[in-house]
Amino acid sequence: LISSKMPHDDRIAGMAVYLTMYCKREGKVLHLEDVYVLPQYRNQGLGTELIKECAKVGLSRGCNEMDLQALDWNTKAVDLYRRLDGILISEFVPLLLAKDKLPSL
């Protein structure tokens, strides 16, 4: 977890949640689970700064890439990731096993 404060304010303005995982394609990967900036602090570069800090963590842990995901309706996140040179990986298809299906596995 990384949090960010505004220079003129002691309150936390945003956070990024990440974890390190292993990918058979790339080896060690930093998975960025969530980036959240409070509405009153958005459009001030905090999301970008949080992602950059996560990238530093990934490099310090020996990660080969950072995994970013966004829901298709979240165009602001997709646009931000693309501005940071994120690559859309269209060959992945997200799947979900719902809780009610897990006992039968």
PDB file of N, CA and C in Angstrom:
ATOM      1  N   LEU A   1       0.859  -1.179   0.000  1.00  0.00           N
ATOM      2  CA  LEU A   1       0.000   0.000   0.000  1.00  0.00           C
ATOM      3  C   LEU A   1       0.892   1.225   0.000  1.00  0.00           C
ATOM      4  N   ILE A   2       0.606   2.114  -0.919  1.00  0.00           N
ATOM      5  CA  ILE A   2       1.274   3.404  -0.971  1.00  0.00           C
ATOM      6  C   ILE A   2       0.190   4.451  -0.824  1.00  0.00           C
ATOM      7  N   SER A   3       0.428   5.456  -0.003  1.00  0.00           N
ATOM      8  CA  SER A   3      -0.532   6.548   0.126  1.00  0.00           C
ATOM      9  C   SER A   3       0.142   7.851  -0.262  1.00  0.00           C
ATOM     10  N   SER A   4      -0.672   8.828  -0.600  1.00  0.00           N
ATOM     11  CA  SER A   4      -0.149  10.109  -1.046  1.00  0.00           C
ATOM     12  C   SER A   4      -0.887  11.227  -0.342  1.00  0.00           C
ATOM     13  N   LYS A   5      -0.125  12.244   0.054  1.00  0.00           N
ATOM     14  CA  LYS A   5      -0.707  13.435   0.669  1.00  0.00           C
ATOM     15  C   LYS A   5      -0.410  14.636  -0.217  1.00  0.00           C
ATOM     16  N   MET A   6      -1.288  15.613  -0.141  1.00  0.00           N
ATOM     17  CA  MET A   6      -1.051  16.868  -0.840  1.00  0.00           C
ATOM     18  C   MET A   6      -0.037  17.674  -0.014  1.00  0.00           C
ATOM     19  N   PRO A   7       0.807  18.475  -0.655  1.00  0.00           N
ATOM     20  CA  PRO A   7       1.822  19.238   0.074  1.00  0.00           C
ATOM     21  C   PRO A   7       1.235  20.168   1.136  1.00  0.00           C
ATOM     22  N   HIS A   8       0.064  20.722   0.893  1.00  0.00           N
ATOM     23  CA  HIS A   8      -0.537  21.694   1.807  1.00  0.00           C
ATOM     24  C   HIS A   8      -1.558  21.080   2.766  1.00  0.00           C
ATOM     25  N   ASP A   9      -1.627  19.745   2.817  1.00  0.00           N
ATOM     26  CA  ASP A   9      -2.674  19.079   3.591  1.00  0.00           C
ATOM     27  C   ASP A   9      -2.110  17.783   4.166  1.00  0.00           C
ATOM     28  N   ASP A  10      -2.368  17.517   5.438  1.00  0.00           N
ATOM     29  CA  ASP A  10      -1.862  16.290   6.075  1.00  0.00           C
ATOM     30  C   ASP A  10      -2.734  15.073   5.844  1.00  0.00           C
ATOM     31  N   ARG A  11      -3.920  15.257   5.294  1.00  0.00           N
ATOM     32  CA  ARG A  11      -4.807  14.121   5.072  1.00  0.00           C
ATOM     33  C   ARG A  11      -4.343  13.309   3.868  1.00  0.00           C
ATOM     34  N   ILE A  12      -4.586  12.001   3.943  1.00  0.00           N
ATOM     35  CA  ILE A  12      -4.254  11.144   2.807  1.00  0.00           C
ATOM     36  C   ILE A  12      -5.224  11.455   1.674  1.00  0.00           C
ATOM     37  N   ALA A  13      -4.674  11.706   0.488  1.00  0.00           N
ATOM     38  CA  ALA A  13      -5.479  12.095  -0.666  1.00  0.00           C
ATOM     39  C   ALA A  13      -5.721  10.932  -1.625  1.00  0.00           C
ATOM     40  N   GLY A  14      -4.880   9.907  -1.547  1.00  0.00           N
ATOM     41  CA  GLY A  14      -5.026   8.784  -2.454  1.00  0.00           C
ATOM     42  C   GLY A  14      -4.198   7.606  -2.017  1.00  0.00           C
ATOM     43  N   MET A  15      -4.435   6.461  -2.663  1.00  0.00           N
ATOM     44  CA  MET A  15      -3.690   5.257  -2.315  1.00  0.00           C
ATOM     45  C   MET A  15      -3.589   4.342  -3.524  1.00  0.00           C
ATOM     46  N   ALA A  16      -2.589   3.481  -3.463  1.00  0.00           N
ATOM     47  CA  ALA A  16      -2.417   2.432  -4.471  1.00  0.00           C
ATOM     48  C   ALA A  16      -2.181   1.124  -3.729  1.00  0.00           C
ATOM     49  N   VAL A  17      -2.877   0.084  -4.143  1.00  0.00           N
ATOM     50  CA  VAL A  17      -2.743  -1.244  -3.550  1.00  0.00           C
ATOM     51  C   VAL A  17      -2.108  -2.144  -4.606  1.00  0.00           C
ATOM     52  N   TYR A  18      -1.040  -2.839  -4.234  1.00  0.00           N
ATOM     53  CA  TYR A  18      -0.313  -3.662  -5.186  1.00  0.00           C
ATOM     54  C   TYR A  18       0.171  -4.933  -4.518  1.00  0.00           C
ATOM     55  N   LEU A  19       0.569  -5.896  -5.336  1.00  0.00           N
ATOM     56  CA  LEU A  19       1.182  -7.112  -4.830  1.00  0.00           C
ATOM     57  C   LEU A  19       2.147  -7.641  -5.876  1.00  0.00           C
ATOM     58  N   THR A  20       3.093  -8.420  -5.436  1.00  0.00           N
ATOM     59  CA  THR A  20       4.038  -9.050  -6.345  1.00  0.00           C
ATOM     60  C   THR A  20       3.528 -10.449  -6.644  1.00  0.00           C
ATOM     61  N   MET A  21       3.549 -10.823  -7.919  1.00  0.00           N
ATOM     62  CA  MET A  21       3.101 -12.155  -8.309  1.00  0.00           C
ATOM     63  C   MET A  21       4.042 -12.700  -9.380  1.00  0.00           C
ATOM     64  N   TYR A  22       3.835 -13.936  -9.751  1.00  0.00           N
ATOM     65  CA  TYR A  22       4.667 -14.558 -10.772  1.00  0.00           C
ATOM     66  C   TYR A  22       3.817 -14.833 -12.010  1.00  0.00           C
ATOM     67  N   CYS A  23       4.351 -14.506 -13.163  1.00  0.00           N
ATOM     68  CA  CYS A  23       3.685 -14.730 -14.446  1.00  0.00           C
ATOM     69  C   CYS A  23       4.589 -15.608 -15.297  1.00  0.00           C
ATOM     70  N   LYS A  24       4.054 -16.684 -15.845  1.00  0.00           N
ATOM     71  CA  LYS A  24       4.905 -17.588 -16.631  1.00  0.00           C
ATOM     72  C   LYS A  24       5.447 -16.920 -17.887  1.00  0.00           C
ATOM     73  N   ARG A  25       4.800 -15.868 -18.340  1.00  0.00           N
ATOM     74  CA  ARG A  25       5.252 -15.152 -19.527  1.00  0.00           C
ATOM     75  C   ARG A  25       6.404 -14.195 -19.220  1.00  0.00           C
ATOM     76  N   GLU A  26       6.333 -13.510 -18.075  1.00  0.00           N
ATOM     77  CA  GLU A  26       7.308 -12.462 -17.765  1.00  0.00           C
ATOM     78  C   GLU A  26       8.071 -12.662 -16.463  1.00  0.00           C
ATOM     79  N   GLY A  27       7.760 -13.687 -15.709  1.00  0.00           N
ATOM     80  CA  GLY A  27       8.430 -13.877 -14.415  1.00  0.00           C
ATOM     81  C   GLY A  27       7.774 -13.024 -13.346  1.00  0.00           C
ATOM     82  N   LYS A  28       8.574 -12.366 -12.538  1.00  0.00           N
ATOM     83  CA  LYS A  28       8.067 -11.566 -11.428  1.00  0.00           C
ATOM     84  C   LYS A  28       7.381 -10.297 -11.954  1.00  0.00           C
ATOM     85  N   VAL A  29       6.150 -10.054 -11.461  1.00  0.00           N
ATOM     86  CA  VAL A  29       5.336  -8.935 -11.932  1.00  0.00           C
ATOM     87  C   VAL A  29       4.759  -8.205 -10.729  1.00  0.00           C
ATOM     88  N   LEU A  30       4.726  -6.877 -10.807  1.00  0.00           N
ATOM     89  CA  LEU A  30       4.013  -6.096  -9.805  1.00  0.00           C
ATOM     90  C   LEU A  30       2.597  -5.894 -10.324  1.00  0.00           C
ATOM     91  N   HIS A  31       1.613  -6.405  -9.614  1.00  0.00           N
ATOM     92  CA  HIS A  31       0.208  -6.277 -10.006  1.00  0.00           C
ATOM     93  C   HIS A  31      -0.378  -5.094  -9.243  1.00  0.00           C
ATOM     94  N   LEU A  32      -0.798  -4.082  -9.985  1.00  0.00           N
ATOM     95  CA  LEU A  32      -1.441  -2.919  -9.389  1.00  0.00           C
ATOM     96  C   LEU A  32      -2.925  -3.219  -9.268  1.00  0.00           C
ATOM     97  N   GLU A  33      -3.357  -3.491  -8.067  1.00  0.00           N
ATOM     98  CA  GLU A  33      -4.741  -3.906  -7.823  1.00  0.00           C
ATOM     99  C   GLU A  33      -5.705  -2.732  -7.887  1.00  0.00           C
ATOM    100  N   ASP A  34      -5.314  -1.607  -7.301  1.00  0.00           N
ATOM    101  CA  ASP A  34      -6.245  -0.480  -7.261  1.00  0.00           C
ATOM    102  C   ASP A  34      -5.489   0.820  -7.039  1.00  0.00           C
ATOM    103  N   VAL A  35      -5.955   1.869  -7.681  1.00  0.00           N
ATOM    104  CA  VAL A  35      -5.491   3.235  -7.439  1.00  0.00           C
ATOM    105  C   VAL A  35      -6.739   4.046  -7.146  1.00  0.00           C
ATOM    106  N   TYR A  36      -6.722   4.752  -6.031  1.00  0.00           N
ATOM    107  CA  TYR A  36      -7.873   5.571  -5.679  1.00  0.00           C
ATOM    108  C   TYR A  36      -7.383   6.920  -5.185  1.00  0.00           C
ATOM    109  N   VAL A  37      -7.972   7.980  -5.745  1.00  0.00           N
ATOM    110  CA  VAL A  37      -7.703   9.346  -5.309  1.00  0.00           C
ATOM    111  C   VAL A  37      -9.043   9.961  -4.931  1.00  0.00           C
ATOM    112  N   LEU A  38      -9.105  10.579  -3.753  1.00  0.00           N
ATOM    113  CA  LEU A  38     -10.346  11.221  -3.324  1.00  0.00           C
ATOM    114  C   LEU A  38     -10.788  12.236  -4.379  1.00  0.00           C
ATOM    115  N   PRO A  39     -12.102  12.342  -4.614  1.00  0.00           N
ATOM    116  CA  PRO A  39     -12.602  13.209  -5.687  1.00  0.00           C
ATOM    117  C   PRO A  39     -12.052  14.641  -5.657  1.00  0.00           C
ATOM    118  N   GLN A  40     -11.925  15.217  -4.481  1.00  0.00           N
ATOM    119  CA  GLN A  40     -11.476  16.617  -4.405  1.00  0.00           C
ATOM    120  C   GLN A  40     -10.003  16.793  -4.763  1.00  0.00           C
ATOM    121  N   TYR A  41      -9.257  15.692  -4.884  1.00  0.00           N
ATOM    122  CA  TYR A  41      -7.835  15.771  -5.219  1.00  0.00           C
ATOM    123  C   TYR A  41      -7.523  15.234  -6.619  1.00  0.00           C
ATOM    124  N   ARG A  42      -8.547  14.881  -7.372  1.00  0.00           N
ATOM    125  CA  ARG A  42      -8.326  14.318  -8.707  1.00  0.00           C
ATOM    126  C   ARG A  42      -7.887  15.407  -9.694  1.00  0.00           C
ATOM    127  N   ASN A  43      -7.310  14.951 -10.807  1.00  0.00           N
ATOM    128  CA  ASN A  43      -6.832  15.830 -11.879  1.00  0.00           C
ATOM    129  C   ASN A  43      -5.706  16.761 -11.414  1.00  0.00           C
ATOM    130  N   GLN A  44      -4.919  16.284 -10.447  1.00  0.00           N
ATOM    131  CA  GLN A  44      -3.766  17.040  -9.967  1.00  0.00           C
ATOM    132  C   GLN A  44      -2.482  16.217 -10.067  1.00  0.00           C
ATOM    133  N   GLY A  45      -2.567  15.061 -10.737  1.00  0.00           N
ATOM    134  CA  GLY A  45      -1.380  14.245 -10.950  1.00  0.00           C
ATOM    135  C   GLY A  45      -1.100  13.209  -9.876  1.00  0.00           C
ATOM    136  N   LEU A  46      -1.974  13.089  -8.871  1.00  0.00           N
ATOM    137  CA  LEU A  46      -1.715  12.133  -7.788  1.00  0.00           C
ATOM    138  C   LEU A  46      -1.774  10.684  -8.263  1.00  0.00           C
ATOM    139  N   GLY A  47      -2.726  10.362  -9.122  1.00  0.00           N
ATOM    140  CA  GLY A  47      -2.813   8.997  -9.642  1.00  0.00           C
ATOM    141  C   GLY A  47      -1.538   8.608 -10.369  1.00  0.00           C
ATOM    142  N   THR A  48      -1.045   9.510 -11.188  1.00  0.00           N
ATOM    143  CA  THR A  48       0.207   9.265 -11.909  1.00  0.00           C
ATOM    144  C   THR A  48       1.363   9.071 -10.940  1.00  0.00           C
ATOM    145  N   GLU A  49       1.437   9.916  -9.924  1.00  0.00           N
ATOM    146  CA  GLU A  49       2.520   9.794  -8.938  1.00  0.00           C
ATOM    147  C   GLU A  49       2.436   8.475  -8.171  1.00  0.00           C
ATOM    148  N   LEU A  50       1.233   8.055  -7.835  1.00  0.00           N
ATOM    149  CA  LEU A  50       1.077   6.774  -7.140  1.00  0.00           C
ATOM    150  C   LEU A  50       1.549   5.619  -8.019  1.00  0.00           C
ATOM    151  N   ILE A  51       1.201   5.656  -9.293  1.00  0.00           N
ATOM    152  CA  ILE A  51       1.624   4.597 -10.212  1.00  0.00           C
ATOM    153  C   ILE A  51       3.144   4.611 -10.369  1.00  0.00           C
ATOM    154  N   LYS A  52       3.735   5.793 -10.444  1.00  0.00           N
ATOM    155  CA  LYS A  52       5.198   5.897 -10.548  1.00  0.00           C
ATOM    156  C   LYS A  52       5.883   5.327  -9.312  1.00  0.00           C
ATOM    157  N   GLU A  53       5.317   5.568  -8.142  1.00  0.00           N
ATOM    158  CA  GLU A  53       5.880   4.996  -6.908  1.00  0.00           C
ATOM    159  C   GLU A  53       5.768   3.475  -6.922  1.00  0.00           C
ATOM    160  N   CYS A  54       4.650   2.957  -7.426  1.00  0.00           N
ATOM    161  CA  CYS A  54       4.500   1.503  -7.548  1.00  0.00           C
ATOM    162  C   CYS A  54       5.549   0.937  -8.498  1.00  0.00           C
ATOM    163  N   ALA A  55       5.821   1.649  -9.583  1.00  0.00           N
ATOM    164  CA  ALA A  55       6.853   1.201 -10.528  1.00  0.00           C
ATOM    165  C   ALA A  55       8.208   1.108  -9.834  1.00  0.00           C
ATOM    166  N   LYS A  56       8.522   2.074  -8.979  1.00  0.00           N
ATOM    167  CA  LYS A  56       9.785   2.043  -8.227  1.00  0.00           C
ATOM    168  C   LYS A  56       9.845   0.824  -7.308  1.00  0.00           C
ATOM    169  N   VAL A  57       8.723   0.529  -6.658  1.00  0.00           N
ATOM    170  CA  VAL A  57       8.652  -0.660  -5.796  1.00  0.00           C
ATOM    171  C   VAL A  57       8.894  -1.914  -6.628  1.00  0.00           C
ATOM    172  N   GLY A  58       8.237  -1.996  -7.783  1.00  0.00           N
ATOM    173  CA  GLY A  58       8.415  -3.153  -8.655  1.00  0.00           C
ATOM    174  C   GLY A  58       9.864  -3.338  -9.072  1.00  0.00           C
ATOM    175  N   LEU A  59      10.504  -2.256  -9.462  1.00  0.00           N
ATOM    176  CA  LEU A  59      11.918  -2.340  -9.851  1.00  0.00           C
ATOM    177  C   LEU A  59      12.786  -2.785  -8.676  1.00  0.00           C
ATOM    178  N   SER A  60      12.499  -2.257  -7.493  1.00  0.00           N
ATOM    179  CA  SER A  60      13.299  -2.638  -6.321  1.00  0.00           C
ATOM    180  C   SER A  60      13.102  -4.102  -5.936  1.00  0.00           C
ATOM    181  N   ARG A  61      11.968  -4.691  -6.335  1.00  0.00           N
ATOM    182  CA  ARG A  61      11.686  -6.103  -6.056  1.00  0.00           C
ATOM    183  C   ARG A  61      12.100  -7.024  -7.206  1.00  0.00           C
ATOM    184  N   GLY A  62      12.683  -6.462  -8.248  1.00  0.00           N
ATOM    185  CA  GLY A  62      13.134  -7.270  -9.373  1.00  0.00           C
ATOM    186  C   GLY A  62      12.036  -7.667 -10.343  1.00  0.00           C
ATOM    187  N   CYS A  63      10.958  -6.899 -10.376  1.00  0.00           N
ATOM    188  CA  CYS A  63       9.854  -7.213 -11.290  1.00  0.00           C
ATOM    189  C   CYS A  63      10.223  -6.850 -12.724  1.00  0.00           C
ATOM    190  N   ASN A  64       9.698  -7.631 -13.655  1.00  0.00           N
ATOM    191  CA  ASN A  64       9.952  -7.421 -15.079  1.00  0.00           C
ATOM    192  C   ASN A  64       8.885  -6.578 -15.757  1.00  0.00           C
ATOM    193  N   GLU A  65       7.748  -6.426 -15.115  1.00  0.00           N
ATOM    194  CA  GLU A  65       6.685  -5.574 -15.655  1.00  0.00           C
ATOM    195  C   GLU A  65       5.698  -5.248 -14.548  1.00  0.00           C
ATOM    196  N   MET A  66       4.791  -4.306 -14.844  1.00  0.00           N
ATOM    197  CA  MET A  66       3.722  -3.954 -13.923  1.00  0.00           C
ATOM    198  C   MET A  66       2.399  -4.207 -14.635  1.00  0.00           C
ATOM    199  N   ASP A  67       1.539  -4.939 -13.992  1.00  0.00           N
ATOM    200  CA  ASP A  67       0.233  -5.316 -14.530  1.00  0.00           C
ATOM    201  C   ASP A  67      -0.798  -4.281 -14.087  1.00  0.00           C
ATOM    202  N   LEU A  68      -1.460  -3.643 -15.054  1.00  0.00           N
ATOM    203  CA  LEU A  68      -2.496  -2.648 -14.786  1.00  0.00           C
ATOM    204  C   LEU A  68      -3.794  -3.139 -15.410  1.00  0.00           C
ATOM    205  N   GLN A  69      -4.888  -2.996 -14.712  1.00  0.00           N
ATOM    206  CA  GLN A  69      -6.186  -3.403 -15.254  1.00  0.00           C
ATOM    207  C   GLN A  69      -7.205  -2.316 -14.971  1.00  0.00           C
ATOM    208  N   ALA A  70      -8.172  -2.192 -15.870  1.00  0.00           N
ATOM    209  CA  ALA A  70      -9.264  -1.241 -15.679  1.00  0.00           C
ATOM    210  C   ALA A  70     -10.519  -1.836 -16.304  1.00  0.00           C
ATOM    211  N   LEU A  71     -11.642  -1.530 -15.724  1.00  0.00           N
ATOM    212  CA  LEU A  71     -12.912  -1.937 -16.324  1.00  0.00           C
ATOM    213  C   LEU A  71     -13.132  -1.124 -17.594  1.00  0.00           C
ATOM    214  N   ASP A  72     -13.807  -1.713 -18.566  1.00  0.00           N
ATOM    215  CA  ASP A  72     -13.947  -1.063 -19.871  1.00  0.00           C
ATOM    216  C   ASP A  72     -14.657   0.288 -19.798  1.00  0.00           C
ATOM    217  N   TRP A  73     -15.517   0.497 -18.811  1.00  0.00           N
ATOM    218  CA  TRP A  73     -16.227   1.767 -18.686  1.00  0.00           C
ATOM    219  C   TRP A  73     -15.377   2.853 -18.039  1.00  0.00           C
ATOM    220  N   ASN A  74     -14.246   2.471 -17.444  1.00  0.00           N
ATOM    221  CA  ASN A  74     -13.406   3.433 -16.737  1.00  0.00           C
ATOM    222  C   ASN A  74     -12.391   4.051 -17.712  1.00  0.00           C
ATOM    223  N   THR A  75     -12.908   4.883 -18.590  1.00  0.00           N
ATOM    224  CA  THR A  75     -12.066   5.444 -19.647  1.00  0.00           C
ATOM    225  C   THR A  75     -10.965   6.350 -19.103  1.00  0.00           C
ATOM    226  N   LYS A  76     -11.200   7.002 -17.964  1.00  0.00           N
ATOM    227  CA  LYS A  76     -10.147   7.848 -17.390  1.00  0.00           C
ATOM    228  C   LYS A  76      -8.936   7.004 -16.987  1.00  0.00           C
ATOM    229  N   ALA A  77      -9.185   5.841 -16.389  1.00  0.00           N
ATOM    230  CA  ALA A  77      -8.075   4.961 -16.009  1.00  0.00           C
ATOM    231  C   ALA A  77      -7.369   4.424 -17.248  1.00  0.00           C
ATOM    232  N   VAL A  78      -8.130   3.980 -18.232  1.00  0.00           N
ATOM    233  CA  VAL A  78      -7.534   3.459 -19.462  1.00  0.00           C
ATOM    234  C   VAL A  78      -6.689   4.542 -20.132  1.00  0.00           C
ATOM    235  N   ASP A  79      -7.212   5.763 -20.209  1.00  0.00           N
ATOM    236  CA  ASP A  79      -6.460   6.864 -20.819  1.00  0.00           C
ATOM    237  C   ASP A  79      -5.179   7.154 -20.041  1.00  0.00           C
ATOM    238  N   LEU A  80      -5.252   7.137 -18.712  1.00  0.00           N
ATOM    239  CA  LEU A  80      -4.053   7.366 -17.897  1.00  0.00           C
ATOM    240  C   LEU A  80      -3.021   6.284 -18.153  1.00  0.00           C
ATOM    241  N   TYR A  81      -3.422   5.028 -18.140  1.00  0.00           N
ATOM    242  CA  TYR A  81      -2.489   3.928 -18.364  1.00  0.00           C
ATOM    243  C   TYR A  81      -1.855   4.025 -19.746  1.00  0.00           C
ATOM    244  N   ARG A  82      -2.633   4.437 -20.728  1.00  0.00           N
ATOM    245  CA  ARG A  82      -2.080   4.586 -22.091  1.00  0.00           C
ATOM    246  C   ARG A  82      -1.097   5.751 -22.154  1.00  0.00           C
ATOM    247  N   ARG A  83      -1.383   6.855 -21.457  1.00  0.00           N
ATOM    248  CA  ARG A  83      -0.436   7.987 -21.414  1.00  0.00           C
ATOM    249  C   ARG A  83       0.890   7.569 -20.799  1.00  0.00           C
ATOM    250  N   LEU A  84       0.829   6.572 -19.913  1.00  0.00           N
ATOM    251  CA  LEU A  84       2.051   6.058 -19.275  1.00  0.00           C
ATOM    252  C   LEU A  84       2.676   4.937 -20.104  1.00  0.00           C
ATOM    253  N   ASP A  85       2.252   4.800 -21.359  1.00  0.00           N
ATOM    254  CA  ASP A  85       2.740   3.792 -22.303  1.00  0.00           C
ATOM    255  C   ASP A  85       2.274   2.383 -21.978  1.00  0.00           C
ATOM    256  N   GLY A  86       1.130   2.254 -21.310  1.00  0.00           N
ATOM    257  CA  GLY A  86       0.535   0.940 -21.073  1.00  0.00           C
ATOM    258  C   GLY A  86       0.090   0.315 -22.379  1.00  0.00           C
ATOM    259  N   ILE A  87       0.213  -0.981 -22.462  1.00  0.00           N
ATOM    260  CA  ILE A  87      -0.121  -1.728 -23.671  1.00  0.00           C
ATOM    261  C   ILE A  87      -1.393  -2.531 -23.425  1.00  0.00           C
ATOM    262  N   LEU A  88      -2.364  -2.374 -24.304  1.00  0.00           N
ATOM    263  CA  LEU A  88      -3.599  -3.151 -24.216  1.00  0.00           C
ATOM    264  C   LEU A  88      -3.313  -4.571 -24.689  1.00  0.00           C
ATOM    265  N   ILE A  89      -3.604  -5.545 -23.846  1.00  0.00           N
ATOM    266  CA  ILE A  89      -3.346  -6.947 -24.170  1.00  0.00           C
ATOM    267  C   ILE A  89      -4.686  -7.593 -24.484  1.00  0.00           C
ATOM    268  N   SER A  90      -5.004  -7.665 -25.758  1.00  0.00           N
ATOM    269  CA  SER A  90      -6.337  -8.117 -26.156  1.00  0.00           C
ATOM    270  C   SER A  90      -6.490  -9.637 -26.133  1.00  0.00           C
ATOM    271  N   GLU A  91      -5.398 -10.384 -26.062  1.00  0.00           N
ATOM    272  CA  GLU A  91      -5.547 -11.839 -26.079  1.00  0.00           C
ATOM    273  C   GLU A  91      -5.992 -12.414 -24.738  1.00  0.00           C
ATOM    274  N   PHE A  92      -6.038 -11.594 -23.685  1.00  0.00           N
ATOM    275  CA  PHE A  92      -6.522 -12.070 -22.396  1.00  0.00           C
ATOM    276  C   PHE A  92      -8.030 -11.898 -22.318  1.00  0.00           C
ATOM    277  N   VAL A  93      -8.699 -12.909 -21.803  1.00  0.00           N
ATOM    278  CA  VAL A  93     -10.140 -12.866 -21.615  1.00  0.00           C
ATOM    279  C   VAL A  93     -10.396 -13.029 -20.116  1.00  0.00           C
ATOM    280  N   PRO A  94     -10.944 -11.995 -19.474  1.00  0.00           N
ATOM    281  CA  PRO A  94     -11.200 -12.122 -18.035  1.00  0.00           C
ATOM    282  C   PRO A  94     -12.333 -13.118 -17.759  1.00  0.00           C
ATOM    283  N   LEU A  95     -12.112 -13.988 -16.809  1.00  0.00           N
ATOM    284  CA  LEU A  95     -13.105 -14.985 -16.411  1.00  0.00           C
ATOM    285  C   LEU A  95     -13.284 -14.915 -14.900  1.00  0.00           C
ATOM    286  N   LEU A  96     -14.412 -15.392 -14.426  1.00  0.00           N
ATOM    287  CA  LEU A  96     -14.739 -15.352 -13.017  1.00  0.00           C
ATOM    288  C   LEU A  96     -15.437 -16.641 -12.625  1.00  0.00           C
ATOM    289  N   LEU A  97     -15.031 -17.212 -11.529  1.00  0.00           N
ATOM    290  CA  LEU A  97     -15.775 -18.322 -10.925  1.00  0.00           C
ATOM    291  C   LEU A  97     -16.488 -17.746  -9.704  1.00  0.00           C
ATOM    292  N   ALA A  98     -17.816 -17.688  -9.770  1.00  0.00           N
ATOM    293  CA  ALA A  98     -18.613 -17.098  -8.701  1.00  0.00           C
ATOM    294  C   ALA A  98     -18.559 -17.968  -7.453  1.00  0.00           C
ATOM    295  N   LYS A  99     -18.805 -17.350  -6.317  1.00  0.00           N
ATOM    296  CA  LYS A  99     -18.752 -18.029  -5.025  1.00  0.00           C
ATOM    297  C   LYS A  99     -19.617 -19.283  -4.991  1.00  0.00           C
ATOM    298  N   ASP A 100     -20.814 -19.216  -5.571  1.00  0.00           N
ATOM    299  CA  ASP A 100     -21.714 -20.376  -5.533  1.00  0.00           C
ATOM    300  C   ASP A 100     -21.212 -21.542  -6.365  1.00  0.00           C
ATOM    301  N   LYS A 101     -20.240 -21.321  -7.262  1.00  0.00           N
ATOM    302  CA  LYS A 101     -19.672 -22.393  -8.073  1.00  0.00           C
ATOM    303  C   LYS A 101     -18.458 -23.045  -7.424  1.00  0.00           C
ATOM    304  N   LEU A 102     -17.845 -22.347  -6.478  1.00  0.00           N
ATOM    305  CA  LEU A 102     -16.615 -22.851  -5.872  1.00  0.00           C
ATOM    306  C   LEU A 102     -16.780 -24.191  -5.131  1.00  0.00           C
ATOM    307  N   PRO A 103     -17.860 -24.408  -4.382  1.00  0.00           N
ATOM    308  CA  PRO A 103     -17.979 -25.695  -3.679  1.00  0.00           C
ATOM    309  C   PRO A 103     -18.015 -26.909  -4.599  1.00  0.00           C
ATOM    310  N   SER A 104     -18.468 -26.734  -5.816  1.00  0.00           N
ATOM    311  CA  SER A 104     -18.562 -27.881  -6.723  1.00  0.00           C
ATOM    312  C   SER A 104     -17.265 -28.180  -7.437  1.00  0.00           C
ATOM    313  N   LEU A 105     -16.252 -27.395  -7.242  1.00  0.00           N
ATOM    314  CA  LEU A 105     -14.968 -27.639  -7.912  1.00  0.00           C
ATOM    315  C   LEU A 105     -14.190 -28.739  -7.220  1.00  0.00           C
TER     316      LEU A 105
END
